Amino acid sequence: MRRIYEYLSVEEKKEVVKRLKKEREDLQKEINQNDNSFSPLVRQILNDTYDKWGLEIEELERDIENNIGPIKKI
């Protein structure tokens, strides 16, 4: 997880999760709609970014849960 997240409050982390999920969804749409337009290298970078954002979301949700107990999926 990025070190910057260590300095955020639980509420700020929730907002980051919400925004990351939206950006990740938008990225997936872009990849799906324009897959043929990207070179294999660019496609791989976009897919890696999608996966990394997923890991960041999971880590932030786990951190939020550890600090305030079980949460509903955002």
PDB file of N, CA and C in Angstrom:
ATOM      1  N   MET A   1       0.848  -1.163   0.000  1.00  0.00           N
ATOM      2  CA  MET A   1       0.000   0.000   0.000  1.00  0.00           C
ATOM      3  C   MET A   1       0.907   1.242   0.000  1.00  0.00           C
ATOM      4  N   ARG A   2       0.456   2.264  -0.647  1.00  0.00           N
ATOM      5  CA  ARG A   2       1.231   3.498  -0.687  1.00  0.00           C
ATOM      6  C   ARG A   2       1.341   4.096   0.703  1.00  0.00           C
ATOM      7  N   ARG A   3       2.508   4.626   0.983  1.00  0.00           N
ATOM      8  CA  ARG A   3       2.751   5.200   2.309  1.00  0.00           C
ATOM      9  C   ARG A   3       1.821   6.357   2.626  1.00  0.00           C
ATOM     10  N   ILE A   4       1.360   7.054   1.610  1.00  0.00           N
ATOM     11  CA  ILE A   4       0.477   8.209   1.848  1.00  0.00           C
ATOM     12  C   ILE A   4      -0.805   7.783   2.549  1.00  0.00           C
ATOM     13  N   TYR A   5      -1.254   6.566   2.292  1.00  0.00           N
ATOM     14  CA  TYR A   5      -2.495   6.083   2.901  1.00  0.00           C
ATOM     15  C   TYR A   5      -2.378   5.961   4.412  1.00  0.00           C
ATOM     16  N   GLU A   6      -1.160   5.821   4.912  1.00  0.00           N
ATOM     17  CA  GLU A   6      -0.960   5.709   6.356  1.00  0.00           C
ATOM     18  C   GLU A   6      -1.382   6.982   7.086  1.00  0.00           C
ATOM     19  N   TYR A   7      -1.396   8.093   6.386  1.00  0.00           N
ATOM     20  CA  TYR A   7      -1.691   9.383   7.005  1.00  0.00           C
ATOM     21  C   TYR A   7      -3.146   9.805   6.835  1.00  0.00           C
ATOM     22  N   LEU A   8      -3.953   8.966   6.207  1.00  0.00           N
ATOM     23  CA  LEU A   8      -5.351   9.300   5.973  1.00  0.00           C
ATOM     24  C   LEU A   8      -6.232   8.760   7.091  1.00  0.00           C
ATOM     25  N   SER A   9      -7.304   9.482   7.353  1.00  0.00           N
ATOM     26  CA  SER A   9      -8.290   8.993   8.317  1.00  0.00           C
ATOM     27  C   SER A   9      -9.100   7.873   7.665  1.00  0.00           C
ATOM     28  N   VAL A  10      -9.888   7.195   8.465  1.00  0.00           N
ATOM     29  CA  VAL A  10     -10.732   6.110   7.949  1.00  0.00           C
ATOM     30  C   VAL A  10     -11.700   6.663   6.913  1.00  0.00           C
ATOM     31  N   GLU A  11     -12.286   7.821   7.186  1.00  0.00           N
ATOM     32  CA  GLU A  11     -13.230   8.418   6.239  1.00  0.00           C
ATOM     33  C   GLU A  11     -12.546   8.782   4.926  1.00  0.00           C
ATOM     34  N   GLU A  12     -11.330   9.286   5.009  1.00  0.00           N
ATOM     35  CA  GLU A  12     -10.582   9.616   3.799  1.00  0.00           C
ATOM     36  C   GLU A  12     -10.239   8.358   3.009  1.00  0.00           C
ATOM     37  N   LYS A  13      -9.916   7.297   3.719  1.00  0.00           N
ATOM     38  CA  LYS A  13      -9.622   6.020   3.054  1.00  0.00           C
ATOM     39  C   LYS A  13     -10.855   5.489   2.339  1.00  0.00           C
ATOM     40  N   LYS A  14     -12.014   5.657   2.955  1.00  0.00           N
ATOM     41  CA  LYS A  14     -13.255   5.224   2.313  1.00  0.00           C
ATOM     42  C   LYS A  14     -13.470   5.992   1.012  1.00  0.00           C
ATOM     43  N   GLU A  15     -13.183   7.270   1.045  1.00  0.00           N
ATOM     44  CA  GLU A  15     -13.333   8.093  -0.165  1.00  0.00           C
ATOM     45  C   GLU A  15     -12.339   7.660  -1.247  1.00  0.00           C
ATOM     46  N   VAL A  16     -11.128   7.348  -0.841  1.00  0.00           N
ATOM     47  CA  VAL A  16     -10.124   6.873  -1.796  1.00  0.00           C
ATOM     48  C   VAL A  16     -10.583   5.567  -2.432  1.00  0.00           C
ATOM     49  N   VAL A  17     -11.126   4.658  -1.639  1.00  0.00           N
ATOM     50  CA  VAL A  17     -11.626   3.386  -2.157  1.00  0.00           C
ATOM     51  C   VAL A  17     -12.726   3.635  -3.180  1.00  0.00           C
ATOM     52  N   LYS A  18     -13.634   4.523  -2.841  1.00  0.00           N
ATOM     53  CA  LYS A  18     -14.742   4.845  -3.744  1.00  0.00           C
ATOM     54  C   LYS A  18     -14.215   5.387  -5.071  1.00  0.00           C
ATOM     55  N   ARG A  19     -13.275   6.296  -4.998  1.00  0.00           N
ATOM     56  CA  ARG A  19     -12.711   6.888  -6.215  1.00  0.00           C
ATOM     57  C   ARG A  19     -11.899   5.877  -7.018  1.00  0.00           C
ATOM     58  N   LEU A  20     -11.123   5.057  -6.334  1.00  0.00           N
ATOM     59  CA  LEU A  20     -10.339   4.031  -7.033  1.00  0.00           C
ATOM     60  C   LEU A  20     -11.250   3.042  -7.759  1.00  0.00           C
ATOM     61  N   LYS A  21     -12.339   2.670  -7.111  1.00  0.00           N
ATOM     62  CA  LYS A  21     -13.275   1.744  -7.759  1.00  0.00           C
ATOM     63  C   LYS A  21     -13.876   2.365  -9.011  1.00  0.00           C
ATOM     64  N   LYS A  22     -14.222   3.642  -8.932  1.00  0.00           N
ATOM     65  CA  LYS A  22     -14.782   4.332 -10.099  1.00  0.00           C
ATOM     66  C   LYS A  22     -13.750   4.416 -11.221  1.00  0.00           C
ATOM     67  N   GLU A  23     -12.531   4.804 -10.889  1.00  0.00           N
ATOM     68  CA  GLU A  23     -11.466   4.897 -11.886  1.00  0.00           C
ATOM     69  C   GLU A  23     -11.147   3.534 -12.488  1.00  0.00           C
ATOM     70  N   ARG A  24     -11.165   2.515 -11.651  1.00  0.00           N
ATOM     71  CA  ARG A  24     -10.889   1.154 -12.126  1.00  0.00           C
ATOM     72  C   ARG A  24     -11.985   0.689 -13.088  1.00  0.00           C
ATOM     73  N   GLU A  25     -13.216   1.008 -12.763  1.00  0.00           N
ATOM     74  CA  GLU A  25     -14.341   0.673 -13.637  1.00  0.00           C
ATOM     75  C   GLU A  25     -14.210   1.405 -14.980  1.00  0.00           C
ATOM     76  N   ASP A  26     -13.855   2.688 -14.932  1.00  0.00           N
ATOM     77  CA  ASP A  26     -13.661   3.466 -16.156  1.00  0.00           C
ATOM     78  C   ASP A  26     -12.512   2.901 -16.992  1.00  0.00           C
ATOM     79  N   LEU A  27     -11.438   2.506 -16.332  1.00  0.00           N
ATOM     80  CA  LEU A  27     -10.303   1.914 -17.044  1.00  0.00           C
ATOM     81  C   LEU A  27     -10.712   0.618 -17.728  1.00  0.00           C
ATOM     82  N   GLN A  28     -11.483  -0.207 -17.037  1.00  0.00           N
ATOM     83  CA  GLN A  28     -11.938  -1.472 -17.631  1.00  0.00           C
ATOM     84  C   GLN A  28     -12.793  -1.213 -18.867  1.00  0.00           C
ATOM     85  N   LYS A  29     -13.663  -0.220 -18.796  1.00  0.00           N
ATOM     86  CA  LYS A  29     -14.491   0.134 -19.958  1.00  0.00           C
ATOM     87  C   LYS A  29     -13.615   0.571 -21.125  1.00  0.00           C
ATOM     88  N   GLU A  30     -12.631   1.384 -20.837  1.00  0.00           N
ATOM     89  CA  GLU A  30     -11.713   1.865 -21.880  1.00  0.00           C
ATOM     90  C   GLU A  30     -10.954   0.705 -22.523  1.00  0.00           C
ATOM     91  N   ILE A  31     -10.475  -0.192 -21.700  1.00  0.00           N
ATOM     92  CA  ILE A  31      -9.761  -1.360 -22.217  1.00  0.00           C
ATOM     93  C   ILE A  31     -10.685  -2.192 -23.103  1.00  0.00           C
ATOM     94  N   ASN A  32     -11.896  -2.431 -22.640  1.00  0.00           N
ATOM     95  CA  ASN A  32     -12.841  -3.251 -23.401  1.00  0.00           C
ATOM     96  C   ASN A  32     -13.262  -2.593 -24.713  1.00  0.00           C
ATOM     97  N   GLN A  33     -13.493  -1.290 -24.683  1.00  0.00           N
ATOM     98  CA  GLN A  33     -13.983  -0.595 -25.868  1.00  0.00           C
ATOM     99  C   GLN A  33     -12.903  -0.369 -26.918  1.00  0.00           C
ATOM    100  N   ASN A  34     -11.665  -0.212 -26.483  1.00  0.00           N
ATOM    101  CA  ASN A  34     -10.591   0.157 -27.412  1.00  0.00           C
ATOM    102  C   ASN A  34      -9.452  -0.847 -27.440  1.00  0.00           C
ATOM    103  N   ASP A  35      -9.745  -2.068 -27.100  1.00  0.00           N
ATOM    104  CA  ASP A  35      -8.713  -3.096 -27.003  1.00  0.00           C
ATOM    105  C   ASP A  35      -7.875  -3.205 -28.270  1.00  0.00           C
ATOM    106  N   ASN A  36      -8.491  -3.142 -29.416  1.00  0.00           N
ATOM    107  CA  ASN A  36      -7.767  -3.302 -30.679  1.00  0.00           C
ATOM    108  C   ASN A  36      -6.911  -2.089 -31.021  1.00  0.00           C
ATOM    109  N   SER A  37      -7.158  -0.969 -30.384  1.00  0.00           N
ATOM    110  CA  SER A  37      -6.409   0.258 -30.663  1.00  0.00           C
ATOM    111  C   SER A  37      -5.058   0.290 -29.956  1.00  0.00           C
ATOM    112  N   PHE A  38      -4.905  -0.537 -28.928  1.00  0.00           N
ATOM    113  CA  PHE A  38      -3.690  -0.501 -28.124  1.00  0.00           C
ATOM    114  C   PHE A  38      -2.674  -1.527 -28.614  1.00  0.00           C
ATOM    115  N   SER A  39      -1.415  -1.143 -28.542  1.00  0.00           N
ATOM    116  CA  SER A  39      -0.349  -2.103 -28.824  1.00  0.00           C
ATOM    117  C   SER A  39      -0.319  -3.109 -27.668  1.00  0.00           C
ATOM    118  N   PRO A  40       0.287  -4.265 -27.883  1.00  0.00           N
ATOM    119  CA  PRO A  40       0.363  -5.249 -26.791  1.00  0.00           C
ATOM    120  C   PRO A  40       1.022  -4.689 -25.524  1.00  0.00           C
ATOM    121  N   LEU A  41       2.035  -3.856 -25.689  1.00  0.00           N
ATOM    122  CA  LEU A  41       2.714  -3.278 -24.527  1.00  0.00           C
ATOM    123  C   LEU A  41       1.773  -2.364 -23.746  1.00  0.00           C
ATOM    124  N   VAL A  42       1.069  -1.490 -24.434  1.00  0.00           N
ATOM    125  CA  VAL A  42       0.142  -0.576 -23.775  1.00  0.00           C
ATOM    126  C   VAL A  42      -0.992  -1.352 -23.118  1.00  0.00           C
ATOM    127  N   ARG A  43      -1.488  -2.362 -23.791  1.00  0.00           N
ATOM    128  CA  ARG A  43      -2.554  -3.201 -23.235  1.00  0.00           C
ATOM    129  C   ARG A  43      -2.082  -3.859 -21.939  1.00  0.00           C
ATOM    130  N   GLN A  44      -0.834  -4.348 -21.933  1.00  0.00           N
ATOM    131  CA  GLN A  44      -0.277  -4.979 -20.732  1.00  0.00           C
ATOM    132  C   GLN A  44      -0.150  -3.970 -19.593  1.00  0.00           C
ATOM    133  N   ILE A  45       0.297  -2.761 -19.903  1.00  0.00           N
ATOM    134  CA  ILE A  45       0.426  -1.714 -18.884  1.00  0.00           C
ATOM    135  C   ILE A  45      -0.941  -1.375 -18.300  1.00  0.00           C
ATOM    136  N   LEU A  46      -1.940  -1.232 -19.156  1.00  0.00           N
ATOM    137  CA  LEU A  46      -3.291  -0.925 -18.681  1.00  0.00           C
ATOM    138  C   LEU A  46      -3.848  -2.050 -17.809  1.00  0.00           C
ATOM    139  N   ASN A  47      -3.624  -3.285 -18.211  1.00  0.00           N
ATOM    140  CA  ASN A  47      -4.096  -4.428 -17.414  1.00  0.00           C
ATOM    141  C   ASN A  47      -3.352  -4.517 -16.085  1.00  0.00           C
ATOM    142  N   ASP A  48      -2.052  -4.227 -16.094  1.00  0.00           N
ATOM    143  CA  ASP A  48      -1.286  -4.219 -14.845  1.00  0.00           C
ATOM    144  C   ASP A  48      -1.807  -3.131 -13.900  1.00  0.00           C
ATOM    145  N   THR A  49      -2.106  -1.967 -14.458  1.00  0.00           N
ATOM    146  CA  THR A  49      -2.658  -0.872 -13.664  1.00  0.00           C
ATOM    147  C   THR A  49      -3.993  -1.278 -13.056  1.00  0.00           C
ATOM    148  N   TYR A  50      -4.841  -1.897 -13.854  1.00  0.00           N
ATOM    149  CA  TYR A  50      -6.141  -2.379 -13.373  1.00  0.00           C
ATOM    150  C   TYR A  50      -5.945  -3.331 -12.188  1.00  0.00           C
ATOM    151  N   ASP A  51      -5.019  -4.268 -12.323  1.00  0.00           N
ATOM    152  CA  ASP A  51      -4.747  -5.231 -11.252  1.00  0.00           C
ATOM    153  C   ASP A  51      -4.181  -4.548 -10.002  1.00  0.00           C
ATOM    154  N   LYS A  52      -3.269  -3.607 -10.189  1.00  0.00           N
ATOM    155  CA  LYS A  52      -2.669  -2.909  -9.045  1.00  0.00           C
ATOM    156  C   LYS A  52      -3.705  -2.091  -8.288  1.00  0.00           C
ATOM    157  N   TRP A  53      -4.606  -1.455  -9.018  1.00  0.00           N
ATOM    158  CA  TRP A  53      -5.667  -0.708  -8.345  1.00  0.00           C
ATOM    159  C   TRP A  53      -6.554  -1.646  -7.545  1.00  0.00           C
ATOM    160  N   GLY A  54      -6.795  -2.837  -8.064  1.00  0.00           N
ATOM    161  CA  GLY A  54      -7.574  -3.832  -7.327  1.00  0.00           C
ATOM    162  C   GLY A  54      -6.893  -4.206  -6.019  1.00  0.00           C
ATOM    163  N   LEU A  55      -5.582  -4.390  -6.063  1.00  0.00           N
ATOM    164  CA  LEU A  55      -4.835  -4.718  -4.847  1.00  0.00           C
ATOM    165  C   LEU A  55      -4.871  -3.557  -3.851  1.00  0.00           C
ATOM    166  N   GLU A  56      -4.745  -2.338  -4.345  1.00  0.00           N
ATOM    167  CA  GLU A  56      -4.813  -1.180  -3.456  1.00  0.00           C
ATOM    168  C   GLU A  56      -6.179  -1.079  -2.793  1.00  0.00           C
ATOM    169  N   ILE A  57      -7.220  -1.332  -3.555  1.00  0.00           N
ATOM    170  CA  ILE A  57      -8.576  -1.302  -3.003  1.00  0.00           C
ATOM    171  C   ILE A  57      -8.713  -2.344  -1.902  1.00  0.00           C
ATOM    172  N   GLU A  58      -8.249  -3.555  -2.167  1.00  0.00           N
ATOM    173  CA  GLU A  58      -8.328  -4.628  -1.163  1.00  0.00           C
ATOM    174  C   GLU A  58      -7.561  -4.258   0.100  1.00  0.00           C
ATOM    175  N   GLU A  59      -6.361  -3.716  -0.057  1.00  0.00           N
ATOM    176  CA  GLU A  59      -5.556  -3.342   1.110  1.00  0.00           C
ATOM    177  C   GLU A  59      -6.219  -2.223   1.915  1.00  0.00           C
ATOM    178  N   LEU A  60      -6.746  -1.236   1.220  1.00  0.00           N
ATOM    179  CA  LEU A  60      -7.425  -0.148   1.924  1.00  0.00           C
ATOM    180  C   LEU A  60      -8.667  -0.647   2.648  1.00  0.00           C
ATOM    181  N   GLU A  61      -9.448  -1.502   1.997  1.00  0.00           N
ATOM    182  CA  GLU A  61     -10.643  -2.051   2.651  1.00  0.00           C
ATOM    183  C   GLU A  61     -10.262  -2.882   3.869  1.00  0.00           C
ATOM    184  N   ARG A  62      -9.183  -3.628   3.760  1.00  0.00           N
ATOM    185  CA  ARG A  62      -8.722  -4.430   4.900  1.00  0.00           C
ATOM    186  C   ARG A  62      -8.267  -3.518   6.031  1.00  0.00           C
ATOM    187  N   ASP A  63      -7.566  -2.446   5.688  1.00  0.00           N
ATOM    188  CA  ASP A  63      -7.117  -1.499   6.700  1.00  0.00           C
ATOM    189  C   ASP A  63      -8.300  -0.809   7.377  1.00  0.00           C
ATOM    190  N   ILE A  64      -9.288  -0.421   6.585  1.00  0.00           N
ATOM    191  CA  ILE A  64     -10.495   0.205   7.143  1.00  0.00           C
ATOM    192  C   ILE A  64     -11.182  -0.764   8.086  1.00  0.00           C
ATOM    193  N   GLU A  65     -11.323  -2.005   7.658  1.00  0.00           N
ATOM    194  CA  GLU A  65     -11.992  -3.020   8.480  1.00  0.00           C
ATOM    195  C   GLU A  65     -11.231  -3.262   9.784  1.00  0.00           C
ATOM    196  N   ASN A  66      -9.908  -3.279   9.715  1.00  0.00           N
ATOM    197  CA  ASN A  66      -9.099  -3.495  10.912  1.00  0.00           C
ATOM    198  C   ASN A  66      -9.219  -2.338  11.893  1.00  0.00           C
ATOM    199  N   ASN A  67      -9.510  -1.155  11.390  1.00  0.00           N
ATOM    200  CA  ASN A  67      -9.598   0.022  12.256  1.00  0.00           C
ATOM    201  C   ASN A  67     -10.995   0.276  12.804  1.00  0.00           C
ATOM    202  N   ILE A  68     -12.031  -0.194  12.087  1.00  0.00           N
ATOM    203  CA  ILE A  68     -13.392   0.098  12.561  1.00  0.00           C
ATOM    204  C   ILE A  68     -14.288  -1.129  12.585  1.00  0.00           C
ATOM    205  N   GLY A  69     -13.767  -2.282  12.279  1.00  0.00           N
ATOM    206  CA  GLY A  69     -14.587  -3.485  12.253  1.00  0.00           C
ATOM    207  C   GLY A  69     -15.126  -3.766  10.857  1.00  0.00           C
ATOM    208  N   PRO A  70     -15.906  -4.814  10.708  1.00  0.00           N
ATOM    209  CA  PRO A  70     -16.431  -5.187   9.389  1.00  0.00           C
ATOM    210  C   PRO A  70     -17.216  -4.042   8.753  1.00  0.00           C
ATOM    211  N   ILE A  71     -17.024  -3.888   7.462  1.00  0.00           N
ATOM    212  CA  ILE A  71     -17.725  -2.828   6.732  1.00  0.00           C
ATOM    213  C   ILE A  71     -18.512  -3.427   5.581  1.00  0.00           C
ATOM    214  N   LYS A  72     -19.525  -2.682   5.177  1.00  0.00           N
ATOM    215  CA  LYS A  72     -20.243  -3.076   3.966  1.00  0.00           C
ATOM    216  C   LYS A  72     -19.369  -2.719   2.796  1.00  0.00           C
ATOM    217  N   LYS A  73     -19.464  -3.501   1.738  1.00  0.00           N
ATOM    218  CA  LYS A  73     -18.685  -3.202   0.540  1.00  0.00           C
ATOM    219  C   LYS A  73     -19.115  -1.856  -0.013  1.00  0.00           C
ATOM    220  N   ILE A  74     -18.132  -1.060  -0.327  1.00  0.00           N
ATOM    221  CA  ILE A  74     -18.388   0.293  -0.811  1.00  0.00           C
ATOM    222  C   ILE A  74     -18.606   0.251  -2.310  1.00  0.00           C
TER     223      ILE A  74
END
